[in-house]
Amino acid sequence: MSDERKIVSRMFSSSLEEIFGGEDLILEVARDMIKDEIKGKVKKTLNEDPDLKAEFKDALEMYYEAKIRQAIAAFKIAKASARLGVKMAPEDIQEQVHKEIETEINRIIDDTL
């Protein structure tokens, strides 16, 4: 039997899952197609209405800024929590932590220079 006939025979005897890698692949392709269609409609609608486009852009900028502020707040909470943990530790551990921090800061400065 030729290679072409083997392939055709396999395709007819195989399930769609074996051929296309399961329904997940098909669903992923469908989702991508739907997202592309929605993106196209959103872009078209925004391009047709400059005021709406400006409003949408402003809202996105506010959202992006809020996400940055959220990240900064999370960093500050982590920093304050670390300081609180060190202050609650016994004196000898506090000294050890301070020495390790100083060593790490010096290493970072040396690596940067």
N, C-alpha and C. Protein backbone atom coordinates (compact mmCIF):
# COMPACT_ATOMS: atom_id res chain seq x y z
N MET A 1 0.85 -1.18 0.00
CA MET A 1 0.00 0.00 0.00
C MET A 1 0.90 1.24 0.00
N SER A 2 0.58 2.22 -0.83
CA SER A 2 1.39 3.44 -0.93
C SER A 2 1.22 4.28 0.33
N ASP A 3 2.16 5.18 0.52
CA ASP A 3 2.13 6.07 1.68
C ASP A 3 0.87 6.93 1.70
N GLU A 4 0.46 7.41 0.51
CA GLU A 4 -0.74 8.24 0.43
C GLU A 4 -1.97 7.46 0.86
N ARG A 5 -2.07 6.22 0.43
CA ARG A 5 -3.22 5.39 0.81
C ARG A 5 -3.21 5.09 2.31
N LYS A 6 -2.02 4.91 2.86
CA LYS A 6 -1.90 4.66 4.31
C LYS A 6 -2.42 5.88 5.08
N ILE A 7 -2.03 7.05 4.61
CA ILE A 7 -2.46 8.29 5.28
C ILE A 7 -3.97 8.44 5.19
N VAL A 8 -4.53 8.25 4.00
CA VAL A 8 -5.98 8.36 3.81
C VAL A 8 -6.69 7.32 4.65
N SER A 9 -6.17 6.10 4.66
CA SER A 9 -6.78 5.03 5.45
C SER A 9 -6.74 5.38 6.94
N ARG A 10 -5.63 5.92 7.38
CA ARG A 10 -5.50 6.30 8.80
C ARG A 10 -6.48 7.41 9.14
N MET A 11 -6.63 8.39 8.23
CA MET A 11 -7.55 9.49 8.49
C MET A 11 -8.98 8.99 8.64
N PHE A 12 -9.38 8.06 7.81
CA PHE A 12 -10.75 7.57 7.89
C PHE A 12 -10.97 6.66 9.08
N SER A 13 -9.93 5.96 9.52
CA SER A 13 -10.08 5.05 10.65
C SER A 13 -9.83 5.75 11.98
N SER A 14 -9.25 6.97 11.95
CA SER A 14 -8.94 7.70 13.18
C SER A 14 -10.12 8.57 13.58
N SER A 15 -10.15 8.85 14.83
CA SER A 15 -11.17 9.77 15.31
C SER A 15 -10.68 11.20 15.07
N LEU A 16 -11.58 12.14 15.13
CA LEU A 16 -11.19 13.54 14.98
C LEU A 16 -10.19 13.94 16.06
N GLU A 17 -10.33 13.36 17.23
CA GLU A 17 -9.43 13.70 18.33
C GLU A 17 -8.00 13.32 17.97
N GLU A 18 -7.82 12.15 17.35
CA GLU A 18 -6.48 11.73 16.96
C GLU A 18 -5.92 12.61 15.85
N ILE A 19 -6.78 13.04 14.94
CA ILE A 19 -6.33 13.83 13.80
C ILE A 19 -5.99 15.27 14.23
N PHE A 20 -6.89 15.89 15.00
CA PHE A 20 -6.73 17.29 15.35
C PHE A 20 -6.18 17.52 16.75
N GLY A 21 -5.84 16.47 17.47
CA GLY A 21 -5.27 16.66 18.79
C GLY A 21 -6.31 16.91 19.86
N GLY A 22 -7.51 16.51 19.66
CA GLY A 22 -8.54 16.65 20.67
C GLY A 22 -9.35 17.91 20.49
N GLU A 23 -10.43 17.97 21.24
CA GLU A 23 -11.33 19.11 21.11
C GLU A 23 -10.72 20.39 21.65
N ASP A 24 -9.72 20.29 22.51
CA ASP A 24 -9.09 21.50 23.05
C ASP A 24 -8.50 22.36 21.94
N LEU A 25 -7.86 21.73 20.99
CA LEU A 25 -7.27 22.48 19.89
C LEU A 25 -8.34 23.19 19.07
N ILE A 26 -9.41 22.48 18.77
CA ILE A 26 -10.51 23.06 17.98
C ILE A 26 -11.14 24.22 18.75
N LEU A 27 -11.36 24.04 20.05
CA LEU A 27 -11.95 25.10 20.87
C LEU A 27 -11.02 26.31 20.95
N GLU A 28 -9.73 26.06 21.04
CA GLU A 28 -8.76 27.16 21.10
C GLU A 28 -8.78 27.96 19.80
N VAL A 29 -8.85 27.26 18.68
CA VAL A 29 -8.93 27.94 17.38
C VAL A 29 -10.22 28.76 17.30
N ALA A 30 -11.32 28.18 17.75
CA ALA A 30 -12.61 28.89 17.73
C ALA A 30 -12.54 30.14 18.61
N ARG A 31 -11.96 30.02 19.80
CA ARG A 31 -11.82 31.18 20.69
C ARG A 31 -10.99 32.27 20.03
N ASP A 32 -9.89 31.88 19.40
CA ASP A 32 -9.04 32.87 18.73
C ASP A 32 -9.79 33.57 17.61
N MET A 33 -10.57 32.83 16.86
CA MET A 33 -11.35 33.43 15.78
C MET A 33 -12.39 34.41 16.33
N ILE A 34 -13.05 34.03 17.41
CA ILE A 34 -14.04 34.90 18.04
C ILE A 34 -13.37 36.16 18.57
N LYS A 35 -12.22 35.99 19.24
CA LYS A 35 -11.52 37.16 19.76
C LYS A 35 -11.09 38.09 18.64
N ASP A 36 -10.59 37.52 17.53
CA ASP A 36 -10.19 38.36 16.40
C ASP A 36 -11.38 39.13 15.83
N GLU A 37 -12.53 38.47 15.75
CA GLU A 37 -13.75 39.13 15.25
C GLU A 37 -14.16 40.27 16.18
N ILE A 38 -14.14 40.02 17.46
CA ILE A 38 -14.53 41.05 18.44
C ILE A 38 -13.55 42.22 18.39
N LYS A 39 -12.24 41.92 18.33
CA LYS A 39 -11.23 42.98 18.23
C LYS A 39 -11.48 43.86 17.01
N GLY A 40 -11.78 43.23 15.89
CA GLY A 40 -12.04 43.99 14.66
C GLY A 40 -13.23 44.91 14.82
N LYS A 41 -14.30 44.40 15.44
CA LYS A 41 -15.50 45.23 15.62
C LYS A 41 -15.24 46.37 16.60
N VAL A 42 -14.50 46.09 17.66
CA VAL A 42 -14.18 47.14 18.64
C VAL A 42 -13.35 48.23 17.97
N LYS A 43 -12.31 47.83 17.24
CA LYS A 43 -11.46 48.82 16.56
C LYS A 43 -12.27 49.65 15.57
N LYS A 44 -13.12 48.98 14.80
CA LYS A 44 -13.94 49.69 13.80
C LYS A 44 -14.85 50.70 14.49
N THR A 45 -15.52 50.27 15.56
CA THR A 45 -16.44 51.15 16.27
C THR A 45 -15.71 52.34 16.88
N LEU A 46 -14.53 52.09 17.47
CA LEU A 46 -13.77 53.18 18.07
C LEU A 46 -13.26 54.15 17.01
N ASN A 47 -12.84 53.63 15.88
CA ASN A 47 -12.35 54.50 14.80
C ASN A 47 -13.47 55.36 14.21
N GLU A 48 -14.69 54.88 14.28
CA GLU A 48 -15.84 55.64 13.75
C GLU A 48 -16.30 56.73 14.71
N ASP A 49 -15.93 56.64 15.99
CA ASP A 49 -16.38 57.60 16.99
C ASP A 49 -15.17 58.12 17.79
N PRO A 50 -14.57 59.24 17.34
CA PRO A 50 -13.36 59.76 18.00
C PRO A 50 -13.56 60.10 19.48
N ASP A 51 -14.75 60.59 19.84
CA ASP A 51 -15.00 60.91 21.25
C ASP A 51 -14.99 59.65 22.11
N LEU A 52 -15.63 58.61 21.62
CA LEU A 52 -15.66 57.34 22.34
C LEU A 52 -14.25 56.75 22.42
N LYS A 53 -13.50 56.88 21.34
CA LYS A 53 -12.12 56.36 21.32
C LYS A 53 -11.27 57.08 22.37
N ALA A 54 -11.42 58.40 22.47
CA ALA A 54 -10.67 59.18 23.47
C ALA A 54 -11.09 58.80 24.88
N GLU A 55 -12.39 58.62 25.09
CA GLU A 55 -12.89 58.21 26.40
C GLU A 55 -12.35 56.84 26.78
N PHE A 56 -12.37 55.92 25.84
CA PHE A 56 -11.88 54.56 26.08
C PHE A 56 -10.39 54.58 26.39
N LYS A 57 -9.64 55.37 25.62
CA LYS A 57 -8.20 55.48 25.84
C LYS A 57 -7.90 56.05 27.22
N ASP A 58 -8.65 57.07 27.63
CA ASP A 58 -8.49 57.67 28.95
C ASP A 58 -8.76 56.65 30.06
N ALA A 59 -9.81 55.87 29.88
CA ALA A 59 -10.15 54.84 30.86
C ALA A 59 -9.06 53.78 30.95
N LEU A 60 -8.50 53.39 29.82
CA LEU A 60 -7.42 52.41 29.82
C LEU A 60 -6.18 52.95 30.52
N GLU A 61 -5.88 54.22 30.29
CA GLU A 61 -4.74 54.84 30.97
C GLU A 61 -4.95 54.87 32.48
N MET A 62 -6.18 55.19 32.91
CA MET A 62 -6.49 55.17 34.34
C MET A 62 -6.34 53.76 34.91
N TYR A 63 -6.80 52.78 34.17
CA TYR A 63 -6.71 51.38 34.61
C TYR A 63 -5.24 50.95 34.74
N TYR A 64 -4.42 51.31 33.75
CA TYR A 64 -3.01 50.98 33.77
C TYR A 64 -2.32 51.63 34.96
N GLU A 65 -2.64 52.91 35.20
CA GLU A 65 -2.05 53.63 36.33
C GLU A 65 -2.47 52.98 37.65
N ALA A 66 -3.73 52.56 37.75
CA ALA A 66 -4.21 51.91 38.96
C ALA A 66 -3.47 50.59 39.20
N LYS A 67 -3.20 49.84 38.13
CA LYS A 67 -2.45 48.59 38.26
C LYS A 67 -1.03 48.85 38.76
N ILE A 68 -0.42 49.92 38.27
CA ILE A 68 0.93 50.27 38.73
C ILE A 68 0.90 50.65 40.21
N ARG A 69 -0.10 51.46 40.58
CA ARG A 69 -0.23 51.85 41.99
C ARG A 69 -0.46 50.62 42.88
N GLN A 70 -1.24 49.67 42.38
CA GLN A 70 -1.49 48.44 43.13
C GLN A 70 -0.18 47.66 43.34
N ALA A 71 0.64 47.60 42.30
CA ALA A 71 1.92 46.89 42.41
C ALA A 71 2.84 47.59 43.41
N ILE A 72 2.86 48.92 43.37
CA ILE A 72 3.69 49.68 44.31
C ILE A 72 3.20 49.47 45.73
N ALA A 73 1.88 49.48 45.93
CA ALA A 73 1.32 49.25 47.26
C ALA A 73 1.68 47.86 47.78
N ALA A 74 1.62 46.87 46.91
CA ALA A 74 1.98 45.50 47.32
C ALA A 74 3.45 45.43 47.71
N PHE A 75 4.30 46.14 46.96
CA PHE A 75 5.72 46.18 47.30
C PHE A 75 5.93 46.84 48.66
N LYS A 76 5.23 47.94 48.91
CA LYS A 76 5.37 48.65 50.19
C LYS A 76 4.88 47.78 51.35
N ILE A 77 3.80 47.04 51.13
CA ILE A 77 3.31 46.13 52.18
C ILE A 77 4.34 45.06 52.47
N ALA A 78 4.94 44.51 51.42
CA ALA A 78 5.96 43.48 51.60
C ALA A 78 7.16 44.04 52.35
N LYS A 79 7.57 45.25 51.99
CA LYS A 79 8.71 45.90 52.65
C LYS A 79 8.41 46.15 54.13
N ALA A 80 7.23 46.70 54.42
CA ALA A 80 6.86 46.97 55.80
C ALA A 80 6.74 45.67 56.60
N SER A 81 6.21 44.63 55.97
CA SER A 81 6.09 43.33 56.64
C SER A 81 7.45 42.76 56.98
N ALA A 82 8.40 42.91 56.06
CA ALA A 82 9.77 42.43 56.32
C ALA A 82 10.39 43.20 57.48
N ARG A 83 10.22 44.51 57.47
CA ARG A 83 10.76 45.32 58.57
C ARG A 83 10.11 44.93 59.90
N LEU A 84 8.79 44.71 59.88
CA LEU A 84 8.08 44.29 61.09
C LEU A 84 8.62 42.95 61.60
N GLY A 85 8.82 42.02 60.67
CA GLY A 85 9.35 40.71 61.06
C GLY A 85 10.73 40.81 61.68
N VAL A 86 11.57 41.66 61.11
CA VAL A 86 12.91 41.83 61.66
C VAL A 86 12.84 42.46 63.05
N LYS A 87 12.00 43.48 63.23
CA LYS A 87 11.88 44.15 64.53
C LYS A 87 11.35 43.21 65.62
N MET A 88 10.53 42.25 65.22
CA MET A 88 9.97 41.31 66.19
C MET A 88 10.94 40.19 66.55
N ALA A 89 11.99 40.04 65.76
CA ALA A 89 12.97 38.97 65.98
C ALA A 89 13.89 39.33 67.15
N PRO A 90 14.51 38.33 67.75
CA PRO A 90 15.49 38.60 68.81
C PRO A 90 16.66 39.44 68.28
N GLU A 91 17.34 40.14 69.20
CA GLU A 91 18.41 41.08 68.84
C GLU A 91 19.49 40.44 67.98
N ASP A 92 19.94 39.23 68.34
CA ASP A 92 21.03 38.61 67.59
C ASP A 92 20.62 38.30 66.14
N ILE A 93 19.37 37.93 65.96
CA ILE A 93 18.88 37.67 64.60
C ILE A 93 18.76 38.98 63.83
N GLN A 94 18.33 40.05 64.52
CA GLN A 94 18.24 41.35 63.86
C GLN A 94 19.61 41.78 63.33
N GLU A 95 20.64 41.60 64.15
CA GLU A 95 22.00 41.96 63.73
C GLU A 95 22.43 41.12 62.53
N GLN A 96 22.13 39.84 62.56
CA GLN A 96 22.49 38.95 61.45
C GLN A 96 21.79 39.39 60.16
N VAL A 97 20.50 39.73 60.26
CA VAL A 97 19.76 40.18 59.09
C VAL A 97 20.35 41.48 58.55
N HIS A 98 20.68 42.42 59.44
CA HIS A 98 21.26 43.69 59.01
C HIS A 98 22.59 43.46 58.29
N LYS A 99 23.41 42.55 58.82
CA LYS A 99 24.69 42.25 58.17
C LYS A 99 24.48 41.64 56.79
N GLU A 100 23.52 40.73 56.67
CA GLU A 100 23.24 40.10 55.38
C GLU A 100 22.71 41.12 54.37
N ILE A 101 21.86 42.01 54.85
CA ILE A 101 21.32 43.06 53.96
C ILE A 101 22.45 43.98 53.50
N GLU A 102 23.32 44.36 54.43
CA GLU A 102 24.44 45.23 54.08
C GLU A 102 25.36 44.54 53.06
N THR A 103 25.63 43.26 53.26
CA THR A 103 26.46 42.50 52.32
C THR A 103 25.81 42.45 50.94
N GLU A 104 24.51 42.20 50.90
CA GLU A 104 23.79 42.12 49.63
C GLU A 104 23.77 43.46 48.92
N ILE A 105 23.57 44.54 49.67
CA ILE A 105 23.57 45.88 49.05
C ILE A 105 24.95 46.19 48.48
N ASN A 106 26.00 45.87 49.22
CA ASN A 106 27.36 46.10 48.72
C ASN A 106 27.61 45.28 47.45
N ARG A 107 27.13 44.03 47.41
CA ARG A 107 27.30 43.19 46.23
C ARG A 107 26.58 43.80 45.02
N ILE A 108 25.37 44.28 45.26
CA ILE A 108 24.61 44.90 44.17
C ILE A 108 25.32 46.14 43.65
N ILE A 109 25.84 46.95 44.55
CA ILE A 109 26.56 48.18 44.15
C ILE A 109 27.81 47.80 43.37
N ASP A 110 28.55 46.81 43.84
CA ASP A 110 29.76 46.38 43.14
C ASP A 110 29.44 45.84 41.76
N ASP A 111 28.36 45.07 41.65
CA ASP A 111 27.97 44.52 40.35
C ASP A 111 27.52 45.61 39.38
N THR A 112 26.94 46.68 39.91
CA THR A 112 26.44 47.75 39.06
C THR A 112 27.59 48.63 38.56
N LEU A 113 28.57 48.78 39.40
CA LEU A 113 29.71 49.64 39.01
C LEU A 113 30.65 48.83 38.18
